[in-house]
């Protein structure tokens, strides 16, 4: 539905909305933690019903897009909706409408996308549909975002201070995603992948060194200077920013751009499934008590990170005109 020249940037708005949601959740957690009697978590958990209700109600007012109308054999409605979206005359949308119509006819001719994706010619796309979401989740970002309060508490912050620090990382996440909206179509996908990957790798090593310096392998420490805790938070914030402008949004954008029509539905399903599986996997496999041994965890993530950048360098092609 987005115009071709703005498709990358507008697609990243999807990720921006996710980061704003995370930030709002952090704000709610911070404010409800001040409720007396220890009932704040109930308010925080129950508050999730508000956006859920909004989504349900608003879905009844959401119109179909032109592609969907063409799939239902409603070309005139599709043309009218495209004209409404673009805000131009019938003549100005004619070329785009013909492209949509041709794509719809080709889509209807595709009978077995799951069978097609196993063909040798589509093997690179199949590999991308699995490896991009896998690497996106195993950058370690979920450990930071899921357990930020507990992590900051471990390195010396109090309960409220740890929630405030999580609020800071949430804000960094939003701001860095805005950078991605600006740079996705200007700098290219491959450049952002590589720059973000190198930055994450460097600051994961710094977090490992500093936490290992004070906590060792036992996870116990008696004295943590304020400058030390602040420096670790700074390293984590830079790491979060390095994820938020390339790997966060582009992990969704690039797969949607590289799949040919014959396998697009199957490949996109694989991408989403792999992403959701490893998002779920990161939660229960990193329990609270393991965070005191963060040095070992970040060592593992650094090893995984060292494979991300060669993957992008040698397997993900692109330039300024075709910035995949």
C-alpha atoms as a PDB file:
ATOM      1  CA  UNK A   1       0.000   0.000   0.000  1.00  0.00           C
ATOM      2  CA  UNK A   2       2.958   2.319   0.569  1.00  0.00           C
ATOM      3  CA  UNK A   3       4.456   4.239  -2.407  1.00  0.00           C
ATOM      4  CA  UNK A   4       7.510   2.492  -3.837  1.00  0.00           C
ATOM      5  CA  UNK A   5      10.005   5.240  -2.984  1.00  0.00           C
ATOM      6  CA  UNK A   6       8.832   5.377   0.645  1.00  0.00           C
ATOM      7  CA  UNK A   7       8.125   1.688   1.153  1.00  0.00           C
ATOM      8  CA  UNK A   8      11.225   0.993   3.224  1.00  0.00           C
ATOM      9  CA  UNK A   9      10.777   3.941   5.577  1.00  0.00           C
ATOM     10  CA  UNK A  10       7.051   3.403   6.018  1.00  0.00           C
ATOM     11  CA  UNK A  11       7.605  -0.291   6.697  1.00  0.00           C
ATOM     12  CA  UNK A  12       9.960   0.663   9.533  1.00  0.00           C
ATOM     13  CA  UNK A  13       7.086   2.608  11.128  1.00  0.00           C
ATOM     14  CA  UNK A  14       5.761  -0.854  12.065  1.00  0.00           C
ATOM     15  CA  UNK A  15       8.853  -1.391  14.233  1.00  0.00           C
ATOM     16  CA  UNK A  16       8.577   2.168  15.576  1.00  0.00           C
ATOM     17  CA  UNK A  17       5.088   1.395  16.882  1.00  0.00           C
ATOM     18  CA  UNK A  18       6.457  -1.689  18.634  1.00  0.00           C
ATOM     19  CA  UNK A  19       9.206   0.336  20.326  1.00  0.00           C
ATOM     20  CA  UNK A  20       6.707   3.005  21.386  1.00  0.00           C
ATOM     21  CA  UNK A  21       4.571   0.239  22.889  1.00  0.00           C
ATOM     22  CA  UNK A  22       7.583  -1.083  24.814  1.00  0.00           C
ATOM     23  CA  UNK A  23       8.341   2.432  26.072  1.00  0.00           C
ATOM     24  CA  UNK A  24       4.748   2.968  27.217  1.00  0.00           C
ATOM     25  CA  UNK A  25       4.848  -0.403  29.002  1.00  0.00           C
ATOM     26  CA  UNK A  26       8.043   0.655  30.788  1.00  0.00           C
ATOM     27  CA  UNK A  27       6.411   3.938  31.837  1.00  0.00           C
ATOM     28  CA  UNK A  28       3.381   2.073  33.191  1.00  0.00           C
ATOM     29  CA  UNK A  29       5.604  -0.385  35.083  1.00  0.00           C
ATOM     30  CA  UNK A  30       7.596   2.459  36.593  1.00  0.00           C
ATOM     31  CA  UNK A  31       4.500   4.367  37.731  1.00  0.00           C
ATOM     32  CA  UNK A  32       2.588   1.344  39.052  1.00  0.00           C
ATOM     33  CA  UNK A  33       5.632   0.241  41.055  1.00  0.00           C
ATOM     34  CA  UNK A  34       4.914   3.193  43.358  1.00  0.00           C
ATOM     35  CA  UNK A  35       1.438   1.901  44.288  1.00  0.00           C
ATOM     36  CA  UNK A  36       1.366   0.958  47.966  1.00  0.00           C
ATOM     37  CA  UNK A  37       0.554  -2.563  49.054  1.00  0.00           C
ATOM     38  CA  UNK A  38       2.430  -4.298  46.252  1.00  0.00           C
ATOM     39  CA  UNK A  39      -0.577  -4.355  43.938  1.00  0.00           C
ATOM     40  CA  UNK A  40       1.036  -2.346  41.159  1.00  0.00           C
ATOM     41  CA  UNK A  41       1.807  -5.404  39.074  1.00  0.00           C
ATOM     42  CA  UNK A  42      -1.918  -6.194  38.870  1.00  0.00           C
ATOM     43  CA  UNK A  43      -2.632  -2.742  37.474  1.00  0.00           C
ATOM     44  CA  UNK A  44       0.264  -3.073  35.036  1.00  0.00           C
ATOM     45  CA  UNK A  45      -0.862  -6.495  33.833  1.00  0.00           C
ATOM     46  CA  UNK A  46      -4.526  -5.547  33.590  1.00  0.00           C
ATOM     47  CA  UNK A  47      -3.658  -2.365  31.712  1.00  0.00           C
ATOM     48  CA  UNK A  48      -2.657  -4.475  28.708  1.00  0.00           C
ATOM     49  CA  UNK A  49      -6.378  -4.969  28.079  1.00  0.00           C
ATOM     50  CA  UNK A  50      -6.711  -1.307  27.007  1.00  0.00           C
ATOM     51  CA  UNK A  51      -4.603  -1.471  23.806  1.00  0.00           C
ATOM     52  CA  UNK A  52      -6.008  -4.943  23.107  1.00  0.00           C
ATOM     53  CA  UNK A  53      -9.542  -3.536  23.259  1.00  0.00           C
ATOM     54  CA  UNK A  54      -8.526  -0.627  21.034  1.00  0.00           C
ATOM     55  CA  UNK A  55      -7.154  -3.015  18.407  1.00  0.00           C
ATOM     56  CA  UNK A  56     -10.337  -5.117  18.445  1.00  0.00           C
ATOM     57  CA  UNK A  57     -12.645  -2.101  18.104  1.00  0.00           C
ATOM     58  CA  UNK A  58     -10.552  -0.319  15.455  1.00  0.00           C
ATOM     59  CA  UNK A  59     -10.335  -3.476  13.338  1.00  0.00           C
ATOM     60  CA  UNK A  60     -14.051  -3.088  12.561  1.00  0.00           C
ATOM     61  CA  UNK A  61     -13.313   0.273  10.908  1.00  0.00           C
ATOM     62  CA  UNK A  62     -10.238  -0.800   8.962  1.00  0.00           C
ATOM     63  CA  UNK A  63     -10.918  -0.844   5.185  1.00  0.00           C
ATOM     64  CA  UNK A  64      -9.573  -3.439   2.783  1.00  0.00           C
ATOM     65  CA  UNK A  65      -6.492  -2.582   0.750  1.00  0.00           C
ATOM     66  CA  UNK A  66      -6.552  -2.629  -3.094  1.00  0.00           C
ATOM     67  CA  UNK A  67      -4.678  -5.949  -3.265  1.00  0.00           C
ATOM     68  CA  UNK A  68      -7.253  -7.630  -1.058  1.00  0.00           C
ATOM     69  CA  UNK A  69     -10.109  -6.259  -3.163  1.00  0.00           C
ATOM     70  CA  UNK A  70      -8.485  -7.581  -6.333  1.00  0.00           C
ATOM     71  CA  UNK A  71      -8.178 -11.002  -4.728  1.00  0.00           C
ATOM     72  CA  UNK A  72     -11.962 -10.856  -4.194  1.00  0.00           C
ATOM     73  CA  UNK A  73     -12.548  -9.906  -7.855  1.00  0.00           C
ATOM     74  CA  UNK A  74     -13.592  -6.333  -7.025  1.00  0.00           C
ATOM     75  CA  UNK A  75     -11.420  -4.282  -9.439  1.00  0.00           C
ATOM     76  CA  UNK A  76     -13.572  -1.138  -9.383  1.00  0.00           C
ATOM     77  CA  UNK A  77     -13.538  -0.990  -5.590  1.00  0.00           C
ATOM     78  CA  UNK A  78      -9.784  -1.597  -5.681  1.00  0.00           C
ATOM     79  CA  UNK A  79      -9.294   1.278  -8.128  1.00  0.00           C
ATOM     80  CA  UNK A  80     -11.421   3.606  -5.974  1.00  0.00           C
ATOM     81  CA  UNK A  81      -9.498   2.649  -2.815  1.00  0.00           C
ATOM     82  CA  UNK A  82      -6.130   3.171  -4.538  1.00  0.00           C
ATOM     83  CA  UNK A  83      -7.277   6.586  -5.711  1.00  0.00           C
ATOM     84  CA  UNK A  84      -8.394   7.421  -2.175  1.00  0.00           C
ATOM     85  CA  UNK A  85      -5.089   6.283  -0.653  1.00  0.00           C
ATOM     86  CA  UNK A  86      -2.917   8.143  -3.146  1.00  0.00           C
ATOM     87  CA  UNK A  87      -5.137  11.243  -3.276  1.00  0.00           C
ATOM     88  CA  UNK A  88      -4.656  11.686  -7.034  1.00  0.00           C
ATOM     89  CA  UNK A  89      -6.723  11.372 -10.226  1.00  0.00           C
ATOM     90  CA  UNK A  90      -7.683   8.167 -12.057  1.00  0.00           C
ATOM     91  CA  UNK A  91      -5.118   8.904 -14.745  1.00  0.00           C
ATOM     92  CA  UNK A  92      -2.260   9.197 -12.244  1.00  0.00           C
ATOM     93  CA  UNK A  93      -2.978   5.830 -10.627  1.00  0.00           C
ATOM     94  CA  UNK A  94      -3.531   3.947 -13.899  1.00  0.00           C
ATOM     95  CA  UNK A  95       0.022   2.608 -14.219  1.00  0.00           C
ATOM     96  CA  UNK A  96       0.162   1.484 -10.590  1.00  0.00           C
ATOM     97  CA  UNK A  97      -3.275  -0.088 -10.799  1.00  0.00           C
ATOM     98  CA  UNK A  98      -2.229  -2.112 -13.857  1.00  0.00           C
ATOM     99  CA  UNK A  99       0.821  -3.348 -11.943  1.00  0.00           C
ATOM    100  CA  UNK A 100      -1.390  -4.400  -9.014  1.00  0.00           C
ATOM    101  CA  UNK A 101      -3.790  -6.118 -11.391  1.00  0.00           C
ATOM    102  CA  UNK A 102      -0.982  -8.031 -13.096  1.00  0.00           C
ATOM    103  CA  UNK A 103       0.487  -9.055  -9.733  1.00  0.00           C
ATOM    104  CA  UNK A 104      -2.941 -10.226  -8.564  1.00  0.00           C
ATOM    105  CA  UNK A 105      -3.403 -12.374 -11.665  1.00  0.00           C
ATOM    106  CA  UNK A 106       0.060 -13.869 -11.206  1.00  0.00           C
ATOM    107  CA  UNK A 107      -0.695 -14.526  -7.533  1.00  0.00           C
ATOM    108  CA  UNK A 108      -3.857 -16.436  -8.402  1.00  0.00           C
ATOM    109  CA  UNK A 109      -1.824 -18.625 -10.734  1.00  0.00           C
ATOM    110  CA  UNK A 110       0.406 -19.735  -7.828  1.00  0.00           C
ATOM    111  CA  UNK A 111      -1.028 -23.004  -6.506  1.00  0.00           C
ATOM    112  CA  UNK A 112       1.600 -24.594  -4.293  1.00  0.00           C
ATOM    113  CA  UNK A 113       3.894 -22.031  -2.575  1.00  0.00           C
ATOM    114  CA  UNK A 114       4.973 -24.548   0.095  1.00  0.00           C
ATOM    115  CA  UNK A 115       5.943 -27.034  -2.585  1.00  0.00           C
ATOM    116  CA  UNK A 116       7.696 -24.350  -4.644  1.00  0.00           C
ATOM    117  CA  UNK A 117       9.854 -23.109  -1.764  1.00  0.00           C
ATOM    118  CA  UNK A 118      11.601 -26.493  -1.590  1.00  0.00           C
ATOM    119  CA  UNK A 119      12.876 -26.134  -5.155  1.00  0.00           C
ATOM    120  CA  UNK A 120      16.601 -25.572  -5.574  1.00  0.00           C
ATOM    121  CA  UNK A 121      16.146 -22.178  -7.248  1.00  0.00           C
ATOM    122  CA  UNK A 122      14.437 -20.801  -4.132  1.00  0.00           C
ATOM    123  CA  UNK A 123      16.936 -22.189  -1.630  1.00  0.00           C
ATOM    124  CA  UNK A 124      18.639 -18.805  -1.015  1.00  0.00           C
ATOM    125  CA  UNK A 125      15.271 -17.252  -0.144  1.00  0.00           C
ATOM    126  CA  UNK A 126      14.458 -20.189   2.141  1.00  0.00           C
ATOM    127  CA  UNK A 127      17.779 -19.712   3.942  1.00  0.00           C
ATOM    128  CA  UNK A 128      17.091 -15.979   4.327  1.00  0.00           C
ATOM    129  CA  UNK A 129      13.592 -16.596   5.665  1.00  0.00           C
ATOM    130  CA  UNK A 130      15.122 -18.666   8.493  1.00  0.00           C
ATOM    131  CA  UNK A 131      18.465 -17.018   9.228  1.00  0.00           C
ATOM    132  CA  UNK A 132      17.413 -13.351   9.293  1.00  0.00           C
ATOM    133  CA  UNK A 133      14.782 -13.765  12.052  1.00  0.00           C
ATOM    134  CA  UNK A 134      17.064 -16.234  13.862  1.00  0.00           C
ATOM    135  CA  UNK A 135      19.944 -13.766  13.968  1.00  0.00           C
ATOM    136  CA  UNK A 136      17.562 -10.927  14.843  1.00  0.00           C
ATOM    137  CA  UNK A 137      16.450 -12.698  18.024  1.00  0.00           C
ATOM    138  CA  UNK A 138      19.876 -14.025  18.968  1.00  0.00           C
ATOM    139  CA  UNK A 139      21.495 -10.613  18.984  1.00  0.00           C
ATOM    140  CA  UNK A 140      20.574 -10.731  22.674  1.00  0.00           C
ATOM    141  CA  UNK A 141      18.114  -7.850  22.540  1.00  0.00           C
ATOM    142  CA  UNK A 142      15.316  -9.862  24.146  1.00  0.00           C
ATOM    143  CA  UNK A 143      17.456 -10.557  27.194  1.00  0.00           C
ATOM    144  CA  UNK A 144      17.937  -6.810  27.608  1.00  0.00           C
ATOM    145  CA  UNK A 145      14.331  -5.798  26.925  1.00  0.00           C
ATOM    146  CA  UNK A 146      12.659  -8.647  28.849  1.00  0.00           C
ATOM    147  CA  UNK A 147      14.871  -8.531  31.909  1.00  0.00           C
ATOM    148  CA  UNK A 148      16.163  -4.956  31.934  1.00  0.00           C
ATOM    149  CA  UNK A 149      14.836  -4.137  35.461  1.00  0.00           C
ATOM    150  CA  UNK A 150      16.323  -7.302  36.937  1.00  0.00           C
ATOM    151  CA  UNK A 151      19.590  -6.802  35.055  1.00  0.00           C
ATOM    152  CA  UNK A 152      19.998  -3.222  36.261  1.00  0.00           C
ATOM    153  CA  UNK A 153      19.089  -4.283  39.792  1.00  0.00           C
ATOM    154  CA  UNK A 154      21.830  -6.922  39.576  1.00  0.00           C
ATOM    155  CA  UNK A 155      24.469  -4.309  38.693  1.00  0.00           C
ATOM    156  CA  UNK A 156      23.638  -2.126  41.671  1.00  0.00           C
ATOM    157  CA  UNK A 157      20.433  -0.152  41.059  1.00  0.00           C
ATOM    158  CA  UNK A 158      17.509  -0.278  43.462  1.00  0.00           C
ATOM    159  CA  UNK A 159      14.050  -1.478  42.466  1.00  0.00           C
ATOM    160  CA  UNK A 160      12.741   1.907  41.282  1.00  0.00           C
ATOM    161  CA  UNK A 161      16.088   2.908  39.793  1.00  0.00           C
ATOM    162  CA  UNK A 162      16.232  -0.312  37.775  1.00  0.00           C
ATOM    163  CA  UNK A 163      12.772   0.387  36.346  1.00  0.00           C
ATOM    164  CA  UNK A 164      13.877   3.922  35.515  1.00  0.00           C
ATOM    165  CA  UNK A 165      16.939   2.569  33.716  1.00  0.00           C
ATOM    166  CA  UNK A 166      14.691   0.240  31.719  1.00  0.00           C
ATOM    167  CA  UNK A 167      12.647   3.315  30.839  1.00  0.00           C
ATOM    168  CA  UNK A 168      15.811   4.960  29.501  1.00  0.00           C
ATOM    169  CA  UNK A 169      16.659   1.996  27.275  1.00  0.00           C
ATOM    170  CA  UNK A 170      13.077   2.027  25.984  1.00  0.00           C
ATOM    171  CA  UNK A 171      13.472   5.684  25.028  1.00  0.00           C
ATOM    172  CA  UNK A 172      16.754   4.944  23.259  1.00  0.00           C
ATOM    173  CA  UNK A 173      14.982   2.166  21.378  1.00  0.00           C
ATOM    174  CA  UNK A 174      12.359   4.601  20.060  1.00  0.00           C
ATOM    175  CA  UNK A 175      14.843   7.305  19.056  1.00  0.00           C
ATOM    176  CA  UNK A 176      17.137   4.880  17.246  1.00  0.00           C
ATOM    177  CA  UNK A 177      14.211   3.436  15.294  1.00  0.00           C
ATOM    178  CA  UNK A 178      13.435   6.948  14.060  1.00  0.00           C
ATOM    179  CA  UNK A 179      17.010   7.039  12.714  1.00  0.00           C
ATOM    180  CA  UNK A 180      16.197   3.876  10.767  1.00  0.00           C
ATOM    181  CA  UNK A 181      13.114   5.512   9.222  1.00  0.00           C
ATOM    182  CA  UNK A 182      15.379   8.284   7.920  1.00  0.00           C
ATOM    183  CA  UNK A 183      18.240   6.085   6.748  1.00  0.00           C
ATOM    184  CA  UNK A 184      16.693   2.871   5.425  1.00  0.00           C
ATOM    185  CA  UNK A 185      16.127   4.178   1.893  1.00  0.00           C
ATOM    186  CA  UNK A 186      19.040   6.638   1.942  1.00  0.00           C
ATOM    187  CA  UNK A 187      21.895   4.486   3.242  1.00  0.00           C
ATOM    188  CA  UNK A 188      20.764   1.024   2.204  1.00  0.00           C
ATOM    189  CA  UNK A 189      19.785  -2.095   4.093  1.00  0.00           C
ATOM    190  CA  UNK A 190      23.148  -3.856   3.868  1.00  0.00           C
ATOM    191  CA  UNK A 191      25.093  -0.887   5.246  1.00  0.00           C
ATOM    192  CA  UNK A 192      22.752  -0.614   8.247  1.00  0.00           C
ATOM    193  CA  UNK A 193      22.976  -4.356   8.930  1.00  0.00           C
ATOM    194  CA  UNK A 194      26.778  -4.260   8.920  1.00  0.00           C
ATOM    195  CA  UNK A 195      27.154  -1.032  10.903  1.00  0.00           C
ATOM    196  CA  UNK A 196      24.674  -2.141  13.542  1.00  0.00           C
ATOM    197  CA  UNK A 197      26.212  -5.591  13.791  1.00  0.00           C
ATOM    198  CA  UNK A 198      29.734  -4.257  14.353  1.00  0.00           C
ATOM    199  CA  UNK A 199      28.476  -1.753  16.929  1.00  0.00           C
ATOM    200  CA  UNK A 200      26.547  -4.428  18.821  1.00  0.00           C
ATOM    201  CA  UNK A 201      29.534  -6.765  18.823  1.00  0.00           C
ATOM    202  CA  UNK A 202      31.854  -4.107  20.261  1.00  0.00           C
ATOM    203  CA  UNK A 203      29.506  -3.073  23.046  1.00  0.00           C
ATOM    204  CA  UNK A 204      28.581  -6.648  23.934  1.00  0.00           C
ATOM    205  CA  UNK A 205      32.280  -7.242  24.528  1.00  0.00           C
ATOM    206  CA  UNK A 206      32.471  -4.105  26.703  1.00  0.00           C
ATOM    207  CA  UNK A 207      29.446  -5.212  28.745  1.00  0.00           C
ATOM    208  CA  UNK A 208      31.040  -8.648  29.141  1.00  0.00           C
ATOM    209  CA  UNK A 209      34.364  -7.178  30.304  1.00  0.00           C
ATOM    210  CA  UNK A 210      32.842  -4.752  32.788  1.00  0.00           C
ATOM    211  CA  UNK A 211      30.364  -7.208  34.318  1.00  0.00           C
ATOM    212  CA  UNK A 212      32.997  -9.922  34.432  1.00  0.00           C
ATOM    213  CA  UNK A 213      35.426  -7.479  36.068  1.00  0.00           C
ATOM    214  CA  UNK A 214      33.176  -6.893  39.074  1.00  0.00           C
ATOM    215  CA  UNK A 215      31.013 -10.024  39.227  1.00  0.00           C
ATOM    216  CA  UNK A 216      33.450 -12.667  38.021  1.00  0.00           C
ATOM    217  CA  UNK A 217      31.775 -16.039  37.584  1.00  0.00           C
ATOM    218  CA  UNK A 218      30.094 -16.146  40.991  1.00  0.00           C
ATOM    219  CA  UNK A 219      27.681 -13.274  40.384  1.00  0.00           C
ATOM    220  CA  UNK A 220      28.434 -11.833  43.829  1.00  0.00           C
ATOM    221  CA  UNK A 221      29.858  -8.407  44.548  1.00  0.00           C
ATOM    222  CA  UNK A 222      30.034  -6.252  47.658  1.00  0.00           C
ATOM    223  CA  UNK A 223      30.781  -2.790  46.309  1.00  0.00           C
ATOM    224  CA  UNK A 224      29.708  -1.224  43.011  1.00  0.00           C
ATOM    225  CA  UNK A 225      30.735   2.387  42.341  1.00  0.00           C
ATOM    226  CA  UNK A 226      28.073   4.615  40.782  1.00  0.00           C
ATOM    227  CA  UNK A 227      30.328   5.458  37.850  1.00  0.00           C
ATOM    228  CA  UNK A 228      30.649   1.734  37.073  1.00  0.00           C
ATOM    229  CA  UNK A 229      26.887   1.122  37.049  1.00  0.00           C
ATOM    230  CA  UNK A 230      26.331   4.248  34.943  1.00  0.00           C
ATOM    231  CA  UNK A 231      28.960   3.165  32.426  1.00  0.00           C
ATOM    232  CA  UNK A 232      27.389  -0.282  32.039  1.00  0.00           C
ATOM    233  CA  UNK A 233      23.990   1.345  31.447  1.00  0.00           C
ATOM    234  CA  UNK A 234      25.598   3.583  28.803  1.00  0.00           C
ATOM    235  CA  UNK A 235      27.115   0.562  27.044  1.00  0.00           C
ATOM    236  CA  UNK A 236      23.738  -1.185  27.101  1.00  0.00           C
ATOM    237  CA  UNK A 237      22.011   1.909  25.672  1.00  0.00           C
ATOM    238  CA  UNK A 238      24.487   2.108  22.781  1.00  0.00           C
ATOM    239  CA  UNK A 239      23.946  -1.604  22.186  1.00  0.00           C
ATOM    240  CA  UNK A 240      20.140  -1.125  22.144  1.00  0.00           C
ATOM    241  CA  UNK A 241      20.529   1.732  19.641  1.00  0.00           C
ATOM    242  CA  UNK A 242      22.717  -0.478  17.428  1.00  0.00           C
ATOM    243  CA  UNK A 243      19.919  -3.051  17.339  1.00  0.00           C
ATOM    244  CA  UNK A 244      17.064  -0.570  16.908  1.00  0.00           C
ATOM    245  CA  UNK A 245      18.160   1.122  13.683  1.00  0.00           C
ATOM    246  CA  UNK A 246      19.179  -1.951  11.655  1.00  0.00           C
ATOM    247  CA  UNK A 247      18.333  -5.407  13.006  1.00  0.00           C
ATOM    248  CA  UNK A 248      15.024  -4.517  14.669  1.00  0.00           C
ATOM    249  CA  UNK A 249      13.149  -3.086  11.662  1.00  0.00           C
ATOM    250  CA  UNK A 250      15.163  -4.628   8.828  1.00  0.00           C
ATOM    251  CA  UNK A 251      14.619  -8.114  10.206  1.00  0.00           C
ATOM    252  CA  UNK A 252      11.017  -7.646   9.050  1.00  0.00           C
ATOM    253  CA  UNK A 253      11.580  -5.418   6.021  1.00  0.00           C
ATOM    254  CA  UNK A 254      14.257  -7.304   4.081  1.00  0.00           C
ATOM    255  CA  UNK A 255      12.518 -10.713   4.051  1.00  0.00           C
ATOM    256  CA  UNK A 256       9.330  -9.089   2.732  1.00  0.00           C
ATOM    257  CA  UNK A 257      11.311  -7.574  -0.162  1.00  0.00           C
ATOM    258  CA  UNK A 258      13.386 -10.530  -1.347  1.00  0.00           C
ATOM    259  CA  UNK A 259      10.729 -13.215  -1.734  1.00  0.00           C
ATOM    260  CA  UNK A 260       9.363 -13.732  -5.283  1.00  0.00           C
ATOM    261  CA  UNK A 261       5.631 -14.034  -5.737  1.00  0.00           C
ATOM    262  CA  UNK A 262       5.727 -17.828  -6.195  1.00  0.00           C
ATOM    263  CA  UNK A 263       6.874 -18.432  -2.605  1.00  0.00           C
ATOM    264  CA  UNK A 264       6.043 -15.160  -0.843  1.00  0.00           C
ATOM    265  CA  UNK A 265       3.197 -16.448   1.332  1.00  0.00           C
ATOM    266  CA  UNK A 266       5.118 -19.525   2.464  1.00  0.00           C
ATOM    267  CA  UNK A 267       8.406 -17.690   3.037  1.00  0.00           C
ATOM    268  CA  UNK A 268       6.760 -14.890   5.012  1.00  0.00           C
ATOM    269  CA  UNK A 269       5.014 -17.487   7.166  1.00  0.00           C
ATOM    270  CA  UNK A 270       8.378 -19.125   7.895  1.00  0.00           C
ATOM    271  CA  UNK A 271       9.951 -15.759   8.763  1.00  0.00           C
ATOM    272  CA  UNK A 272       7.209 -14.874  11.242  1.00  0.00           C
ATOM    273  CA  UNK A 273       7.151 -18.375  12.753  1.00  0.00           C
ATOM    274  CA  UNK A 274      10.920 -18.464  13.285  1.00  0.00           C
ATOM    275  CA  UNK A 275      10.835 -14.977  14.797  1.00  0.00           C
ATOM    276  CA  UNK A 276       8.006 -15.821  17.206  1.00  0.00           C
ATOM    277  CA  UNK A 277       9.551 -19.174  18.152  1.00  0.00           C
ATOM    278  CA  UNK A 278      12.881 -17.698  19.164  1.00  0.00           C
ATOM    279  CA  UNK A 279      11.208 -14.719  20.854  1.00  0.00           C
ATOM    280  CA  UNK A 280       9.352 -17.229  23.008  1.00  0.00           C
ATOM    281  CA  UNK A 281      12.491 -19.336  23.433  1.00  0.00           C
ATOM    282  CA  UNK A 282      14.525 -16.444  24.860  1.00  0.00           C
ATOM    283  CA  UNK A 283      12.039 -15.826  27.699  1.00  0.00           C
ATOM    284  CA  UNK A 284      11.936 -19.094  29.679  1.00  0.00           C
ATOM    285  CA  UNK A 285      15.551 -20.067  28.878  1.00  0.00           C
ATOM    286  CA  UNK A 286      17.027 -16.969  30.594  1.00  0.00           C
ATOM    287  CA  UNK A 287      15.546 -17.052  34.117  1.00  0.00           C
ATOM    288  CA  UNK A 288      16.156 -14.305  36.652  1.00  0.00           C
ATOM    289  CA  UNK A 289      18.774 -16.194  38.626  1.00  0.00           C
ATOM    290  CA  UNK A 290      20.905 -16.642  35.478  1.00  0.00           C
ATOM    291  CA  UNK A 291      21.303 -12.886  35.096  1.00  0.00           C
ATOM    292  CA  UNK A 292      23.826 -12.796  37.915  1.00  0.00           C
ATOM    293  CA  UNK A 293      26.068 -14.754  35.534  1.00  0.00           C
ATOM    294  CA  UNK A 294      25.535 -12.272  32.715  1.00  0.00           C
ATOM    295  CA  UNK A 295      29.205 -12.481  31.766  1.00  0.00           C
ATOM    296  CA  UNK A 296      28.740 -16.033  30.434  1.00  0.00           C
ATOM    297  CA  UNK A 297      25.506 -15.121  28.697  1.00  0.00           C
ATOM    298  CA  UNK A 298      27.079 -12.207  26.848  1.00  0.00           C
ATOM    299  CA  UNK A 299      30.061 -14.393  25.882  1.00  0.00           C
ATOM    300  CA  UNK A 300      27.616 -16.726  24.125  1.00  0.00           C
ATOM    301  CA  UNK A 301      25.831 -13.821  22.434  1.00  0.00           C
ATOM    302  CA  UNK A 302      29.161 -12.398  21.245  1.00  0.00           C
ATOM    303  CA  UNK A 303      29.994 -15.725  19.589  1.00  0.00           C
ATOM    304  CA  UNK A 304      26.631 -15.676  17.819  1.00  0.00           C
ATOM    305  CA  UNK A 305      27.115 -12.027  16.851  1.00  0.00           C
ATOM    306  CA  UNK A 306      30.433 -12.853  15.210  1.00  0.00           C
ATOM    307  CA  UNK A 307      28.491 -14.932  12.649  1.00  0.00           C
ATOM    308  CA  UNK A 308      25.917 -12.219  11.859  1.00  0.00           C
ATOM    309  CA  UNK A 309      28.175  -9.788  10.044  1.00  0.00           C
ATOM    310  CA  UNK A 310      29.888 -12.266   7.684  1.00  0.00           C
ATOM    311  CA  UNK A 311      26.354 -13.443   6.846  1.00  0.00           C
ATOM    312  CA  UNK A 312      25.328  -9.901   5.868  1.00  0.00           C
ATOM    313  CA  UNK A 313      28.631  -9.164   4.136  1.00  0.00           C
ATOM    314  CA  UNK A 314      28.708 -12.184   1.840  1.00  0.00           C
ATOM    315  CA  UNK A 315      25.094 -13.321   1.484  1.00  0.00           C
ATOM    316  CA  UNK A 316      23.069 -10.095   1.535  1.00  0.00           C
ATOM    317  CA  UNK A 317      23.655  -8.122  -1.647  1.00  0.00           C
ATOM    318  CA  UNK A 318      22.680  -4.512  -2.184  1.00  0.00           C
ATOM    319  CA  UNK A 319      23.597  -0.989  -3.166  1.00  0.00           C
ATOM    320  CA  UNK A 320      22.058   2.461  -3.023  1.00  0.00           C
ATOM    321  CA  UNK A 321      19.715   1.836  -5.955  1.00  0.00           C
ATOM    322  CA  UNK A 322      18.739  -1.660  -4.787  1.00  0.00           C
ATOM    323  CA  UNK A 323      19.471  -1.409  -1.074  1.00  0.00           C
ATOM    324  CA  UNK A 324      18.779  -4.958   0.040  1.00  0.00           C
END
